[in-house]
Amino acid sequence: MQAIYQDQDRNLWIGTDEGLNRYNPDSEGFAHFQNDPNNTNSLSHNSVRVIYQDSKGALWIGTDDGLNKLEPGSERFIHFKKGANDSTGLISSDESIRQMVQEAADDGLWVTTTLYLMRSIADQAADLEGVLTAMPEVKYVHPGVFDTKKWGPGENYYADVGSRPWWPEYLAAQEKMVPALNDSGGLLMSGTDASLAVVVPGFSLHNELETMADVGLSPYDVLRTSTYNPALYHGELQEFGTVETGKRADLVLLEGNPLEDIANTQEIAGVMVRGRYYTRADLDLMLEAVAKDYEAVKSTQAIVRIAFPIVVILLLVALVWFIVRRRKANQVSS
């Protein structure tokens, strides 16, 4: 199972690597959808990664070969994928991008961006060690996350993905899509896929904001993706999303105006969380404590890696010694 989603009619949609399944709780019946090469309205690919329903009730299904749209009450899939002459297998033409973003905007589909991660993948493929060395914020990543998410050389998944011949065109399509969505009235939220390789929680959000500005969004629109729009998505504009009397006192005080330069979001003078103010010095102390804790974890891991085989060898020696002594004792007694 790769994705699961419950729609407005309580149907449960389950995406697998063998197709899409729908469970109707009223009839207790299942329907199964797969790709059929002889049916242009079938699912575009059997590996289903993402399922989402827009404000008009249409389902959007992301697969390993393009995006599918399923209108309410229909079992005919509309495809958004490569053209017949596009050898890369990507949504890359201006017309296909325009069509898809307009559909998404018209249907009220929310989209998160993750452009910084997309750009970093090519860099990871070119020089992963150089990328990691140039990131001082890596010290704020827990060693367990670094290892399990395979950030390092030899294990890093993106180092392979970014070297594939189709990656540059895929990245170019992503960078066209985000400003096109914004210009079409699409609903955007900043997203980073934090904790994936080289995506450090917190720090990566600032990277994402700068990347959005770099592909053409105005600083104002970029800021909305992390403030007003998330509140709108959650239906809590009365609580947060803008600075107004009566709303949550969750604020970031900056040294420079981000409307003039989005990079000023990193010039943090202080943060107020639920009415409590933290100075820059307070924030630096928190970061220092995190870095020290994680460095201690790394040191402990290093000691364990060295000590564990030694302990195992000593235990084996002790076991052999015990067995030999028992045998000798048995021989003496007999």
C-alpha atoms as a PDB file:
ATOM      1  CA  MET A   1       0.000   0.000   0.000  1.00  0.00           C
ATOM      2  CA  GLN A   2       1.448   3.353  -1.094  1.00  0.00           C
ATOM      3  CA  ALA A   3      -1.444   5.778  -0.529  1.00  0.00           C
ATOM      4  CA  ILE A   4      -4.799   5.831   1.265  1.00  0.00           C
ATOM      5  CA  TYR A   5      -7.559   8.448   1.135  1.00  0.00           C
ATOM      6  CA  GLN A   6     -11.202   8.735   2.215  1.00  0.00           C
ATOM      7  CA  ASP A   7     -13.337  10.841  -0.121  1.00  0.00           C
ATOM      8  CA  GLN A   8     -16.361  13.038   0.614  1.00  0.00           C
ATOM      9  CA  ASP A   9     -18.719  10.054   0.176  1.00  0.00           C
ATOM     10  CA  ARG A  10     -16.754   7.967   2.693  1.00  0.00           C
ATOM     11  CA  ASN A  11     -15.310   5.727  -0.017  1.00  0.00           C
ATOM     12  CA  LEU A  12     -11.846   4.489   0.870  1.00  0.00           C
ATOM     13  CA  TRP A  13      -9.283   4.713  -1.948  1.00  0.00           C
ATOM     14  CA  ILE A  14      -6.126   2.618  -1.649  1.00  0.00           C
ATOM     15  CA  GLY A  15      -3.146   3.051  -3.955  1.00  0.00           C
ATOM     16  CA  THR A  16      -0.756   0.148  -4.430  1.00  0.00           C
ATOM     17  CA  ASP A  17       1.951  -0.842  -6.884  1.00  0.00           C
ATOM     18  CA  GLU A  18      -0.650  -3.026  -8.597  1.00  0.00           C
ATOM     19  CA  GLY A  19      -3.346  -0.426  -9.182  1.00  0.00           C
ATOM     20  CA  LEU A  20      -6.032   1.611  -7.449  1.00  0.00           C
ATOM     21  CA  ASN A  21      -8.715   0.137  -5.185  1.00  0.00           C
ATOM     22  CA  ARG A  22     -12.004   1.655  -3.992  1.00  0.00           C
ATOM     23  CA  TYR A  23     -13.885   0.332  -0.957  1.00  0.00           C
ATOM     24  CA  ASN A  24     -17.531   1.365  -0.518  1.00  0.00           C
ATOM     25  CA  PRO A  25     -18.454   1.024   3.188  1.00  0.00           C
ATOM     26  CA  ASP A  26     -22.198   1.050   2.432  1.00  0.00           C
ATOM     27  CA  SER A  27     -22.188  -1.838  -0.028  1.00  0.00           C
ATOM     28  CA  GLU A  28     -18.983  -3.340   1.443  1.00  0.00           C
ATOM     29  CA  GLY A  29     -17.836  -3.789  -2.145  1.00  0.00           C
ATOM     30  CA  PHE A  30     -14.444  -3.316  -3.779  1.00  0.00           C
ATOM     31  CA  ALA A  31     -13.606  -1.910  -7.214  1.00  0.00           C
ATOM     32  CA  HIS A  32     -10.167  -2.338  -8.750  1.00  0.00           C
ATOM     33  CA  PHE A  33      -8.627  -0.049 -11.383  1.00  0.00           C
ATOM     34  CA  GLN A  34      -5.537  -0.877 -13.414  1.00  0.00           C
ATOM     35  CA  ASN A  35      -3.768   0.302 -16.524  1.00  0.00           C
ATOM     36  CA  ASP A  36      -5.118  -1.239 -19.726  1.00  0.00           C
ATOM     37  CA  PRO A  37      -2.943  -0.538 -22.796  1.00  0.00           C
ATOM     38  CA  ASN A  38      -6.034  -0.938 -25.000  1.00  0.00           C
ATOM     39  CA  ASN A  39      -8.090   1.614 -23.035  1.00  0.00           C
ATOM     40  CA  THR A  40      -6.992   5.247 -23.200  1.00  0.00           C
ATOM     41  CA  ASN A  41      -9.295   6.086 -20.291  1.00  0.00           C
ATOM     42  CA  SER A  42      -7.778   3.552 -17.901  1.00  0.00           C
ATOM     43  CA  LEU A  43      -5.334   4.397 -15.106  1.00  0.00           C
ATOM     44  CA  SER A  44      -2.083   5.676 -16.640  1.00  0.00           C
ATOM     45  CA  HIS A  45       0.124   3.427 -14.486  1.00  0.00           C
ATOM     46  CA  ASN A  46      -0.441   0.753 -11.845  1.00  0.00           C
ATOM     47  CA  SER A  47       1.904   2.271  -9.278  1.00  0.00           C
ATOM     48  CA  VAL A  48      -0.281   4.794  -7.405  1.00  0.00           C
ATOM     49  CA  ARG A  49       1.630   7.218  -5.156  1.00  0.00           C
ATOM     50  CA  VAL A  50      -0.801  10.000  -4.200  1.00  0.00           C
ATOM     51  CA  ILE A  51      -4.593  10.408  -3.952  1.00  0.00           C
ATOM     52  CA  TYR A  52      -6.422  13.699  -3.288  1.00  0.00           C
ATOM     53  CA  GLN A  53      -9.955  15.030  -3.784  1.00  0.00           C
ATOM     54  CA  ASP A  54     -10.464  18.645  -4.816  1.00  0.00           C
ATOM     55  CA  SER A  55     -13.240  21.050  -3.822  1.00  0.00           C
ATOM     56  CA  LYS A  56     -15.406  19.927  -6.760  1.00  0.00           C
ATOM     57  CA  GLY A  57     -15.229  16.268  -5.821  1.00  0.00           C
ATOM     58  CA  ALA A  58     -12.770  15.180  -8.493  1.00  0.00           C
ATOM     59  CA  LEU A  59     -10.052  12.738  -7.485  1.00  0.00           C
ATOM     60  CA  TRP A  60      -6.456  13.367  -8.493  1.00  0.00           C
ATOM     61  CA  ILE A  61      -4.245  10.277  -8.614  1.00  0.00           C
ATOM     62  CA  GLY A  62      -0.486  10.570  -8.944  1.00  0.00           C
ATOM     63  CA  THR A  63       1.252   7.576 -10.519  1.00  0.00           C
ATOM     64  CA  ASP A  64       4.704   6.636 -11.750  1.00  0.00           C
ATOM     65  CA  ASP A  65       3.614   7.701 -15.241  1.00  0.00           C
ATOM     66  CA  GLY A  66       1.697  10.928 -14.891  1.00  0.00           C
ATOM     67  CA  LEU A  67      -1.241  12.468 -13.080  1.00  0.00           C
ATOM     68  CA  ASN A  68      -4.822  11.195 -13.439  1.00  0.00           C
ATOM     69  CA  LYS A  69      -8.113  12.968 -12.799  1.00  0.00           C
ATOM     70  CA  LEU A  70     -11.318  11.084 -12.018  1.00  0.00           C
ATOM     71  CA  GLU A  71     -14.512  13.136 -12.168  1.00  0.00           C
ATOM     72  CA  PRO A  72     -17.301  12.397  -9.625  1.00  0.00           C
ATOM     73  CA  GLY A  73     -19.394   9.398 -10.707  1.00  0.00           C
ATOM     74  CA  SER A  74     -17.027   8.522 -13.545  1.00  0.00           C
ATOM     75  CA  GLU A  75     -14.663   5.614 -14.047  1.00  0.00           C
ATOM     76  CA  ARG A  76     -12.853   7.242 -16.976  1.00  0.00           C
ATOM     77  CA  PHE A  77      -9.426   8.639 -16.099  1.00  0.00           C
ATOM     78  CA  ILE A  78      -8.202  11.879 -17.644  1.00  0.00           C
ATOM     79  CA  HIS A  79      -4.427  11.836 -18.105  1.00  0.00           C
ATOM     80  CA  PHE A  80      -1.900  14.627 -17.625  1.00  0.00           C
ATOM     81  CA  LYS A  81       1.357  13.151 -18.842  1.00  0.00           C
ATOM     82  CA  LYS A  82       3.886  13.236 -21.654  1.00  0.00           C
ATOM     83  CA  GLY A  83       2.983  13.943 -25.234  1.00  0.00           C
ATOM     84  CA  ALA A  84       3.383  11.323 -27.942  1.00  0.00           C
ATOM     85  CA  ASN A  85       6.684  12.841 -29.097  1.00  0.00           C
ATOM     86  CA  ASP A  86       8.109  13.441 -25.643  1.00  0.00           C
ATOM     87  CA  SER A  87      10.768  10.785 -25.054  1.00  0.00           C
ATOM     88  CA  THR A  88      11.421  11.854 -21.454  1.00  0.00           C
ATOM     89  CA  GLY A  89       8.074  10.723 -20.085  1.00  0.00           C
ATOM     90  CA  LEU A  90       7.488  14.075 -18.411  1.00  0.00           C
ATOM     91  CA  ILE A  91       4.934  16.845 -18.387  1.00  0.00           C
ATOM     92  CA  SER A  92       7.198  19.430 -19.977  1.00  0.00           C
ATOM     93  CA  SER A  93       5.481  21.355 -22.785  1.00  0.00           C
ATOM     94  CA  ASP A  94       4.114  24.801 -22.005  1.00  0.00           C
ATOM     95  CA  GLU A  95       0.679  23.765 -23.249  1.00  0.00           C
ATOM     96  CA  SER A  96       0.480  20.643 -21.078  1.00  0.00           C
ATOM     97  CA  ILE A  97       1.610  22.659 -18.060  1.00  0.00           C
ATOM     98  CA  ARG A  98      -0.921  25.400 -18.805  1.00  0.00           C
ATOM     99  CA  GLN A  99      -3.717  22.861 -19.129  1.00  0.00           C
ATOM    100  CA  MET A 100      -2.857  21.047 -15.935  1.00  0.00           C
ATOM    101  CA  VAL A 101      -2.390  24.124 -13.752  1.00  0.00           C
ATOM    102  CA  GLN A 102      -5.633  25.661 -14.998  1.00  0.00           C
ATOM    103  CA  GLU A 103      -7.506  22.446 -14.162  1.00  0.00           C
ATOM    104  CA  ALA A 104      -5.911  22.428 -10.714  1.00  0.00           C
ATOM    105  CA  ALA A 105      -6.722  26.100 -10.102  1.00  0.00           C
ATOM    106  CA  ASP A 106     -10.311  25.782 -11.324  1.00  0.00           C
ATOM    107  CA  ASP A 107     -10.897  22.747  -9.103  1.00  0.00           C
ATOM    108  CA  GLY A 108      -9.403  24.318  -5.982  1.00  0.00           C
ATOM    109  CA  LEU A 109      -6.562  21.806  -5.725  1.00  0.00           C
ATOM    110  CA  TRP A 110      -3.998  22.587  -3.025  1.00  0.00           C
ATOM    111  CA  VAL A 111      -0.369  22.106  -4.081  1.00  0.00           C
ATOM    112  CA  THR A 112       2.785  22.097  -1.947  1.00  0.00           C
ATOM    113  CA  THR A 113       5.970  23.190  -3.653  1.00  0.00           C
ATOM    114  CA  THR A 114       9.198  21.304  -2.627  1.00  0.00           C
ATOM    115  CA  LEU A 115      11.243  23.146  -5.256  1.00  0.00           C
ATOM    116  CA  TYR A 116      14.339  23.366  -3.056  1.00  0.00           C
ATOM    117  CA  LEU A 117      14.456  19.584  -2.749  1.00  0.00           C
ATOM    118  CA  MET A 118      14.029  19.227  -6.525  1.00  0.00           C
ATOM    119  CA  ARG A 119      16.954  21.569  -7.169  1.00  0.00           C
ATOM    120  CA  SER A 120      19.139  19.951  -4.533  1.00  0.00           C
ATOM    121  CA  ILE A 121      18.820  16.521  -6.140  1.00  0.00           C
ATOM    122  CA  ALA A 122      21.009  17.490  -9.090  1.00  0.00           C
ATOM    123  CA  ASP A 123      23.548  18.978  -6.677  1.00  0.00           C
ATOM    124  CA  GLN A 124      23.545  15.797  -4.582  1.00  0.00           C
ATOM    125  CA  ALA A 125      24.211  13.771  -7.723  1.00  0.00           C
ATOM    126  CA  ALA A 126      27.092  16.037  -8.768  1.00  0.00           C
ATOM    127  CA  ASP A 127      28.872  16.366  -5.414  1.00  0.00           C
ATOM    128  CA  LEU A 128      27.069  14.997  -2.369  1.00  0.00           C
ATOM    129  CA  GLU A 129      30.019  15.384  -0.015  1.00  0.00           C
ATOM    130  CA  GLY A 130      30.486  18.979  -1.141  1.00  0.00           C
ATOM    131  CA  VAL A 131      26.782  19.718  -0.563  1.00  0.00           C
ATOM    132  CA  LEU A 132      26.885  18.299   2.968  1.00  0.00           C
ATOM    133  CA  THR A 133      30.125  20.121   3.790  1.00  0.00           C
ATOM    134  CA  ALA A 134      28.574  23.422   2.698  1.00  0.00           C
ATOM    135  CA  MET A 135      25.592  22.942   5.048  1.00  0.00           C
ATOM    136  CA  PRO A 136      26.441  24.029   8.619  1.00  0.00           C
ATOM    137  CA  GLU A 137      22.839  23.255   9.587  1.00  0.00           C
ATOM    138  CA  VAL A 138      23.559  19.526   9.203  1.00  0.00           C
ATOM    139  CA  LYS A 139      24.655  19.574  12.852  1.00  0.00           C
ATOM    140  CA  TYR A 140      20.989  20.063  13.768  1.00  0.00           C
ATOM    141  CA  VAL A 141      19.994  16.774  12.110  1.00  0.00           C
ATOM    142  CA  HIS A 142      19.676  13.826  14.479  1.00  0.00           C
ATOM    143  CA  PRO A 143      22.191  11.105  13.566  1.00  0.00           C
ATOM    144  CA  GLY A 144      19.339   8.581  13.503  1.00  0.00           C
ATOM    145  CA  VAL A 145      17.548  10.662  10.855  1.00  0.00           C
ATOM    146  CA  PHE A 146      20.780  11.088   8.889  1.00  0.00           C
ATOM    147  CA  ASP A 147      21.271   7.320   8.825  1.00  0.00           C
ATOM    148  CA  THR A 148      17.707   6.062   8.343  1.00  0.00           C
ATOM    149  CA  LYS A 149      16.931   8.630   5.642  1.00  0.00           C
ATOM    150  CA  LYS A 150      20.234   7.721   3.934  1.00  0.00           C
ATOM    151  CA  TRP A 151      21.760  11.186   3.634  1.00  0.00           C
ATOM    152  CA  GLY A 152      25.352  10.030   3.289  1.00  0.00           C
ATOM    153  CA  PRO A 153      27.494   8.877   0.347  1.00  0.00           C
ATOM    154  CA  GLY A 154      26.953   5.321  -0.804  1.00  0.00           C
ATOM    155  CA  GLU A 155      23.346   5.196   0.380  1.00  0.00           C
ATOM    156  CA  ASN A 156      21.857   8.456  -0.881  1.00  0.00           C
ATOM    157  CA  TYR A 157      18.931   7.720  -3.225  1.00  0.00           C
ATOM    158  CA  TYR A 158      18.913  11.164  -4.815  1.00  0.00           C
ATOM    159  CA  ALA A 159      22.532  10.907  -5.913  1.00  0.00           C
ATOM    160  CA  ASP A 160      21.303   8.324  -8.399  1.00  0.00           C
ATOM    161  CA  VAL A 161      18.047  10.079  -9.351  1.00  0.00           C
ATOM    162  CA  GLY A 162      19.755  13.400 -10.063  1.00  0.00           C
ATOM    163  CA  SER A 163      22.182  11.807 -12.508  1.00  0.00           C
ATOM    164  CA  ARG A 164      19.472  10.334 -14.729  1.00  0.00           C
ATOM    165  CA  PRO A 165      19.257  11.945 -18.189  1.00  0.00           C
ATOM    166  CA  TRP A 166      15.635  13.046 -17.803  1.00  0.00           C
ATOM    167  CA  TRP A 167      16.147  14.879 -14.499  1.00  0.00           C
ATOM    168  CA  PRO A 168      17.008  18.360 -15.885  1.00  0.00           C
ATOM    169  CA  GLU A 169      13.786  18.454 -17.926  1.00  0.00           C
ATOM    170  CA  TYR A 170      11.752  17.202 -14.984  1.00  0.00           C
ATOM    171  CA  LEU A 171      13.198  19.957 -12.795  1.00  0.00           C
ATOM    172  CA  ALA A 172      12.513  22.567 -15.484  1.00  0.00           C
ATOM    173  CA  ALA A 173       8.878  21.445 -15.660  1.00  0.00           C
ATOM    174  CA  GLN A 174       8.533  21.750 -11.867  1.00  0.00           C
ATOM    175  CA  GLU A 175       9.996  25.244 -11.943  1.00  0.00           C
ATOM    176  CA  LYS A 176       7.543  26.294 -14.657  1.00  0.00           C
ATOM    177  CA  MET A 177       4.577  24.742 -12.907  1.00  0.00           C
ATOM    178  CA  VAL A 178       4.764  26.607  -9.598  1.00  0.00           C
ATOM    179  CA  PRO A 179       4.654  30.168 -11.006  1.00  0.00           C
ATOM    180  CA  ALA A 180       2.060  29.051 -13.558  1.00  0.00           C
ATOM    181  CA  LEU A 181      -0.132  27.751 -10.728  1.00  0.00           C
ATOM    182  CA  ASN A 182       0.300  31.003  -8.865  1.00  0.00           C
ATOM    183  CA  ASP A 183      -0.563  33.105 -11.937  1.00  0.00           C
ATOM    184  CA  SER A 184      -3.665  30.954 -12.576  1.00  0.00           C
ATOM    185  CA  GLY A 185      -5.000  31.514  -9.069  1.00  0.00           C
ATOM    186  CA  GLY A 186      -3.840  28.123  -7.821  1.00  0.00           C
ATOM    187  CA  LEU A 187      -3.647  27.379  -4.111  1.00  0.00           C
ATOM    188  CA  LEU A 188      -0.020  27.014  -3.031  1.00  0.00           C
ATOM    189  CA  MET A 189       1.578  26.130   0.283  1.00  0.00           C
ATOM    190  CA  SER A 190       5.295  26.016   0.926  1.00  0.00           C
ATOM    191  CA  GLY A 191       6.547  22.495   1.523  1.00  0.00           C
ATOM    192  CA  THR A 192       9.999  20.983   1.833  1.00  0.00           C
ATOM    193  CA  ASP A 193       9.684  17.225   2.555  1.00  0.00           C
ATOM    194  CA  ALA A 194      11.795  17.944   5.634  1.00  0.00           C
ATOM    195  CA  SER A 195      14.128  15.204   6.877  1.00  0.00           C
ATOM    196  CA  LEU A 196      14.702  13.776   3.418  1.00  0.00           C
ATOM    197  CA  ALA A 197      18.328  14.029   2.326  1.00  0.00           C
ATOM    198  CA  VAL A 198      19.781  17.578   2.758  1.00  0.00           C
ATOM    199  CA  VAL A 199      16.370  18.964   3.770  1.00  0.00           C
ATOM    200  CA  VAL A 200      16.898  20.232   7.324  1.00  0.00           C
ATOM    201  CA  PRO A 201      13.655  21.063   9.187  1.00  0.00           C
ATOM    202  CA  GLY A 202      13.229  24.798   9.662  1.00  0.00           C
ATOM    203  CA  PHE A 203      16.265  25.849   7.642  1.00  0.00           C
ATOM    204  CA  SER A 204      14.872  24.238   4.501  1.00  0.00           C
ATOM    205  CA  LEU A 205      11.742  26.403   4.665  1.00  0.00           C
ATOM    206  CA  HIS A 206      13.891  29.486   4.118  1.00  0.00           C
ATOM    207  CA  ASN A 207      15.605  27.695   1.222  1.00  0.00           C
ATOM    208  CA  GLU A 208      12.166  26.945  -0.213  1.00  0.00           C
ATOM    209  CA  LEU A 209      10.994  30.547   0.050  1.00  0.00           C
ATOM    210  CA  GLU A 210      14.095  31.777  -1.771  1.00  0.00           C
ATOM    211  CA  THR A 211      13.677  29.129  -4.480  1.00  0.00           C
ATOM    212  CA  MET A 212      10.055  30.146  -5.082  1.00  0.00           C
ATOM    213  CA  ALA A 213      11.131  33.753  -5.465  1.00  0.00           C
ATOM    214  CA  ASP A 214      13.894  32.675  -7.822  1.00  0.00           C
ATOM    215  CA  VAL A 215      11.429  30.929 -10.185  1.00  0.00           C
ATOM    216  CA  GLY A 216       9.263  34.038 -10.430  1.00  0.00           C
ATOM    217  CA  LEU A 217       6.901  34.449  -7.467  1.00  0.00           C
ATOM    218  CA  SER A 218       6.794  37.863  -5.844  1.00  0.00           C
ATOM    219  CA  PRO A 219       7.984  38.073  -2.219  1.00  0.00           C
ATOM    220  CA  TYR A 220       4.397  38.826  -1.200  1.00  0.00           C
ATOM    221  CA  ASP A 221       3.062  35.679  -2.872  1.00  0.00           C
ATOM    222  CA  VAL A 222       5.924  33.651  -1.427  1.00  0.00           C
ATOM    223  CA  LEU A 223       5.087  34.815   2.098  1.00  0.00           C
ATOM    224  CA  ARG A 224       1.420  33.902   1.615  1.00  0.00           C
ATOM    225  CA  THR A 225       2.405  30.272   1.001  1.00  0.00           C
ATOM    226  CA  SER A 226       3.661  30.039   4.602  1.00  0.00           C
ATOM    227  CA  THR A 227       1.194  32.315   6.402  1.00  0.00           C
ATOM    228  CA  TYR A 228      -2.229  33.133   4.973  1.00  0.00           C
ATOM    229  CA  ASN A 229      -2.605  30.078   2.723  1.00  0.00           C
ATOM    230  CA  PRO A 230      -1.990  27.395   5.393  1.00  0.00           C
ATOM    231  CA  ALA A 231      -4.558  29.084   7.620  1.00  0.00           C
ATOM    232  CA  LEU A 232      -6.996  29.139   4.704  1.00  0.00           C
ATOM    233  CA  TYR A 233      -6.354  25.444   4.007  1.00  0.00           C
ATOM    234  CA  HIS A 234      -7.081  24.516   7.626  1.00  0.00           C
ATOM    235  CA  GLY A 235     -10.137  26.774   7.781  1.00  0.00           C
ATOM    236  CA  GLU A 236      -8.644  28.764  10.657  1.00  0.00           C
ATOM    237  CA  LEU A 237      -8.108  32.239   9.265  1.00  0.00           C
ATOM    238  CA  GLN A 238      -9.803  33.576  12.382  1.00  0.00           C
ATOM    239  CA  GLU A 239      -6.956  32.095  14.433  1.00  0.00           C
ATOM    240  CA  PHE A 240      -3.770  32.682  12.448  1.00  0.00           C
ATOM    241  CA  GLY A 241      -2.351  33.535   9.025  1.00  0.00           C
ATOM    242  CA  THR A 242      -2.237  37.320   9.411  1.00  0.00           C
ATOM    243  CA  VAL A 243      -1.116  39.737  12.116  1.00  0.00           C
ATOM    244  CA  GLU A 244      -4.343  41.070  13.622  1.00  0.00           C
ATOM    245  CA  THR A 245      -5.754  41.873  17.040  1.00  0.00           C
ATOM    246  CA  GLY A 246      -7.267  38.772  18.606  1.00  0.00           C
ATOM    247  CA  LYS A 247      -5.289  36.251  16.554  1.00  0.00           C
ATOM    248  CA  ARG A 248      -2.565  33.963  17.885  1.00  0.00           C
ATOM    249  CA  ALA A 249       0.594  35.761  18.949  1.00  0.00           C
ATOM    250  CA  ASP A 250       2.839  33.589  16.770  1.00  0.00           C
ATOM    251  CA  LEU A 251       5.230  36.000  15.095  1.00  0.00           C
ATOM    252  CA  VAL A 252       8.730  36.281  13.665  1.00  0.00           C
ATOM    253  CA  LEU A 253      10.529  39.623  14.080  1.00  0.00           C
ATOM    254  CA  LEU A 254      12.987  40.276  11.248  1.00  0.00           C
ATOM    255  CA  GLU A 255      15.907  42.666  10.847  1.00  0.00           C
ATOM    256  CA  GLY A 256      14.953  43.386   7.209  1.00  0.00           C
ATOM    257  CA  ASN A 257      11.846  43.655   5.064  1.00  0.00           C
ATOM    258  CA  PRO A 258      11.097  40.326   3.294  1.00  0.00           C
ATOM    259  CA  LEU A 259       8.913  42.154   0.753  1.00  0.00           C
ATOM    260  CA  GLU A 260      12.117  43.810  -0.510  1.00  0.00           C
ATOM    261  CA  ASP A 261      14.238  40.634  -0.340  1.00  0.00           C
ATOM    262  CA  ILE A 262      12.786  37.259   0.617  1.00  0.00           C
ATOM    263  CA  ALA A 263      16.204  36.271   2.025  1.00  0.00           C
ATOM    264  CA  ASN A 264      15.433  38.637   4.906  1.00  0.00           C
ATOM    265  CA  THR A 265      13.253  35.899   6.411  1.00  0.00           C
ATOM    266  CA  GLN A 266      16.545  34.467   7.669  1.00  0.00           C
ATOM    267  CA  GLU A 267      17.487  37.698   9.442  1.00  0.00           C
ATOM    268  CA  ILE A 268      15.589  36.687  12.572  1.00  0.00           C
ATOM    269  CA  ALA A 269      15.767  39.073  15.543  1.00  0.00           C
ATOM    270  CA  GLY A 270      13.286  37.149  17.667  1.00  0.00           C
ATOM    271  CA  VAL A 271      10.300  34.824  17.699  1.00  0.00           C
ATOM    272  CA  MET A 272       7.045  35.034  19.637  1.00  0.00           C
ATOM    273  CA  VAL A 273       5.242  31.727  20.226  1.00  0.00           C
ATOM    274  CA  ARG A 274       1.844  31.784  21.937  1.00  0.00           C
ATOM    275  CA  GLY A 275       2.631  35.124  23.471  1.00  0.00           C
ATOM    276  CA  ARG A 276       6.114  34.276  24.753  1.00  0.00           C
ATOM    277  CA  TYR A 277       9.017  36.146  23.172  1.00  0.00           C
ATOM    278  CA  TYR A 278      12.371  34.500  22.431  1.00  0.00           C
ATOM    279  CA  THR A 279      15.314  36.762  21.614  1.00  0.00           C
ATOM    280  CA  ARG A 280      17.992  35.906  19.066  1.00  0.00           C
ATOM    281  CA  ALA A 281      20.213  34.931  21.985  1.00  0.00           C
ATOM    282  CA  ASP A 282      17.519  32.564  23.294  1.00  0.00           C
ATOM    283  CA  LEU A 283      17.196  30.934  19.873  1.00  0.00           C
ATOM    284  CA  ASP A 284      20.954  30.533  19.544  1.00  0.00           C
ATOM    285  CA  LEU A 285      21.119  28.800  22.929  1.00  0.00           C
ATOM    286  CA  MET A 286      18.391  26.363  21.817  1.00  0.00           C
ATOM    287  CA  LEU A 287      20.257  25.577  18.612  1.00  0.00           C
ATOM    288  CA  GLU A 288      23.522  25.149  20.499  1.00  0.00           C
ATOM    289  CA  ALA A 289      21.863  22.677  22.888  1.00  0.00           C
ATOM    290  CA  VAL A 290      20.465  20.656  19.979  1.00  0.00           C
ATOM    291  CA  ALA A 291      23.855  20.515  18.265  1.00  0.00           C
ATOM    292  CA  LYS A 292      25.557  19.390  21.489  1.00  0.00           C
ATOM    293  CA  ASP A 293      22.953  16.690  22.114  1.00  0.00           C
ATOM    294  CA  TYR A 294      23.301  15.319  18.596  1.00  0.00           C
ATOM    295  CA  GLU A 295      27.094  15.427  18.761  1.00  0.00           C
ATOM    296  CA  ALA A 296      26.878  13.383  21.967  1.00  0.00           C
ATOM    297  CA  VAL A 297      24.643  10.874  20.174  1.00  0.00           C
ATOM    298  CA  LYS A 298      27.195  10.588  17.362  1.00  0.00           C
ATOM    299  CA  SER A 299      29.993  10.033  19.872  1.00  0.00           C
ATOM    300  CA  THR A 300      27.975   7.324  21.598  1.00  0.00           C
ATOM    301  CA  GLN A 301      27.252   5.667  18.268  1.00  0.00           C
ATOM    302  CA  ALA A 302      30.964   5.736  17.397  1.00  0.00           C
ATOM    303  CA  ILE A 303      31.873   4.132  20.719  1.00  0.00           C
ATOM    304  CA  VAL A 304      29.204   1.454  20.225  1.00  0.00           C
ATOM    305  CA  ARG A 305      30.458   0.723  16.695  1.00  0.00           C
ATOM    306  CA  ILE A 306      33.981   0.232  18.043  1.00  0.00           C
ATOM    307  CA  ALA A 307      33.051  -1.560  21.261  1.00  0.00           C
ATOM    308  CA  PHE A 308      30.368  -3.901  19.936  1.00  0.00           C
ATOM    309  CA  PRO A 309      32.649  -6.228  17.900  1.00  0.00           C
ATOM    310  CA  ILE A 310      35.161  -6.269  20.775  1.00  0.00           C
ATOM    311  CA  VAL A 311      32.438  -7.287  23.232  1.00  0.00           C
ATOM    312  CA  VAL A 312      31.196  -9.973  20.838  1.00  0.00           C
ATOM    313  CA  ILE A 313      34.726 -11.398  20.481  1.00  0.00           C
ATOM    314  CA  LEU A 314      35.245 -11.406  24.265  1.00  0.00           C
ATOM    315  CA  LEU A 315      31.919 -13.177  24.763  1.00  0.00           C
ATOM    316  CA  LEU A 316      32.879 -15.804  22.185  1.00  0.00           C
ATOM    317  CA  VAL A 317      36.266 -16.301  23.873  1.00  0.00           C
ATOM    318  CA  ALA A 318      34.544 -16.649  27.242  1.00  0.00           C
ATOM    319  CA  LEU A 319      32.065 -19.143  25.786  1.00  0.00           C
ATOM    320  CA  VAL A 320      34.843 -21.248  24.265  1.00  0.00           C
ATOM    321  CA  TRP A 321      36.773 -21.125  27.549  1.00  0.00           C
ATOM    322  CA  PHE A 322      33.638 -22.218  29.441  1.00  0.00           C
ATOM    323  CA  ILE A 323      33.001 -25.125  27.057  1.00  0.00           C
ATOM    324  CA  VAL A 324      36.613 -26.281  27.286  1.00  0.00           C
ATOM    325  CA  ARG A 325      36.553 -26.135  31.092  1.00  0.00           C
ATOM    326  CA  ARG A 326      33.305 -28.125  31.205  1.00  0.00           C
ATOM    327  CA  ARG A 327      34.710 -30.815  28.950  1.00  0.00           C
ATOM    328  CA  LYS A 328      37.862 -31.096  31.024  1.00  0.00           C
ATOM    329  CA  ALA A 329      35.808 -31.274  34.207  1.00  0.00           C
ATOM    330  CA  ASN A 330      33.655 -34.026  32.723  1.00  0.00           C
ATOM    331  CA  GLN A 331      36.744 -35.996  31.663  1.00  0.00           C
ATOM    332  CA  VAL A 332      38.229 -35.750  35.159  1.00  0.00           C
ATOM    333  CA  SER A 333      34.994 -36.867  36.831  1.00  0.00           C
ATOM    334  CA  SER A 334      34.635 -39.833  34.480  1.00  0.00           C
END
